[in-house]
């Protein structure tokens, strides 16, 4: 990413490139870390749900249910 921001004056249409301040750069880095953490958490929750579903389907199969019956229960 570049260390500039683009400001647009809507009244005049003037476009200006302005260097980011140290605080803005730091905030951008913190935001990127927070976004990566949130994505990792979402992926972990999705993986846990998929594992739980597979485990439940295996248990139903062990009880003698057919694949069609299991599919009907999990809709």
Protein backbone atom coordinates (compact mmCIF):
# COMPACT_ATOMS: atom_id res chain seq x y z
CA UNK A 1 0.00 0.00 0.00
CA UNK A 2 1.12 3.49 -0.60
CA UNK A 3 1.45 6.03 2.15
CA UNK A 4 -0.84 8.58 0.53
CA UNK A 5 -4.53 9.32 0.66
CA UNK A 6 -6.65 10.92 -2.00
CA UNK A 7 -8.91 13.78 -1.05
CA UNK A 8 -11.64 14.91 -3.44
CA UNK A 9 -13.33 18.28 -3.12
CA UNK A 10 -16.85 17.49 -4.30
CA UNK A 11 -17.69 21.14 -4.85
CA UNK A 12 -14.77 21.82 -7.19
CA UNK A 13 -13.87 18.31 -8.35
CA UNK A 14 -10.26 18.95 -7.30
CA UNK A 15 -8.32 15.78 -6.45
CA UNK A 16 -5.38 16.04 -4.06
CA UNK A 17 -2.89 13.38 -2.97
CA UNK A 18 -1.88 13.88 0.66
CA UNK A 19 0.77 11.90 2.56
CA UNK A 20 -0.57 9.87 5.48
CA UNK A 21 0.40 10.96 8.96
CA UNK A 22 2.24 8.58 11.29
CA UNK A 23 -1.01 8.11 13.22
CA UNK A 24 -2.92 7.21 10.06
CA UNK A 25 -0.26 4.69 9.03
CA UNK A 26 -0.35 3.14 12.50
CA UNK A 27 -4.15 2.97 12.43
CA UNK A 28 -4.09 1.35 8.98
CA UNK A 29 -1.71 -1.31 10.30
CA UNK A 30 -3.91 -1.93 13.36
CA UNK A 31 -6.97 -2.20 11.13
CA UNK A 32 -5.19 -4.74 8.91
CA UNK A 33 -4.26 -6.84 11.95
CA UNK A 34 -7.83 -6.67 13.27
CA UNK A 35 -9.23 -7.71 9.89
CA UNK A 36 -6.83 -10.66 9.64
CA UNK A 37 -7.72 -11.76 13.17
CA UNK A 38 -11.45 -11.54 12.46
CA UNK A 39 -11.00 -13.55 9.24
CA UNK A 40 -9.05 -16.25 11.10
CA UNK A 41 -11.77 -16.42 13.76
CA UNK A 42 -14.50 -16.77 11.11
CA UNK A 43 -12.56 -19.55 9.40
CA UNK A 44 -12.05 -21.36 12.73
CA UNK A 45 -15.78 -21.19 13.49
CA UNK A 46 -16.65 -22.47 10.02
CA UNK A 47 -14.14 -25.32 10.35
CA UNK A 48 -15.51 -26.29 13.76
CA UNK A 49 -19.05 -26.32 12.37
CA UNK A 50 -17.98 -28.49 9.44
CA UNK A 51 -16.21 -30.90 11.79
CA UNK A 52 -19.28 -31.09 14.05
CA UNK A 53 -21.52 -31.77 11.06
CA UNK A 54 -19.23 -34.53 9.78
CA UNK A 55 -19.10 -36.06 13.26
CA UNK A 56 -22.88 -35.98 13.57
CA UNK A 57 -23.32 -37.56 10.14
CA UNK A 58 -20.84 -40.31 11.03
CA UNK A 59 -22.73 -41.05 14.25
CA UNK A 60 -26.06 -41.19 12.40
CA UNK A 61 -24.51 -43.53 9.85
CA UNK A 62 -23.20 -45.74 12.66
CA UNK A 63 -26.77 -45.97 13.95
CA UNK A 64 -27.78 -47.43 10.59
CA UNK A 65 -29.29 -44.42 8.83
CA UNK A 66 -28.81 -44.25 5.07
CA UNK A 67 -27.17 -41.31 3.33
CA UNK A 68 -30.61 -40.21 2.10
CA UNK A 69 -32.04 -40.29 5.63
CA UNK A 70 -29.11 -38.32 6.98
CA UNK A 71 -29.48 -35.76 4.22
CA UNK A 72 -33.18 -35.40 5.01
CA UNK A 73 -32.38 -34.74 8.68
CA UNK A 74 -29.68 -32.19 7.99
CA UNK A 75 -31.62 -29.92 5.64
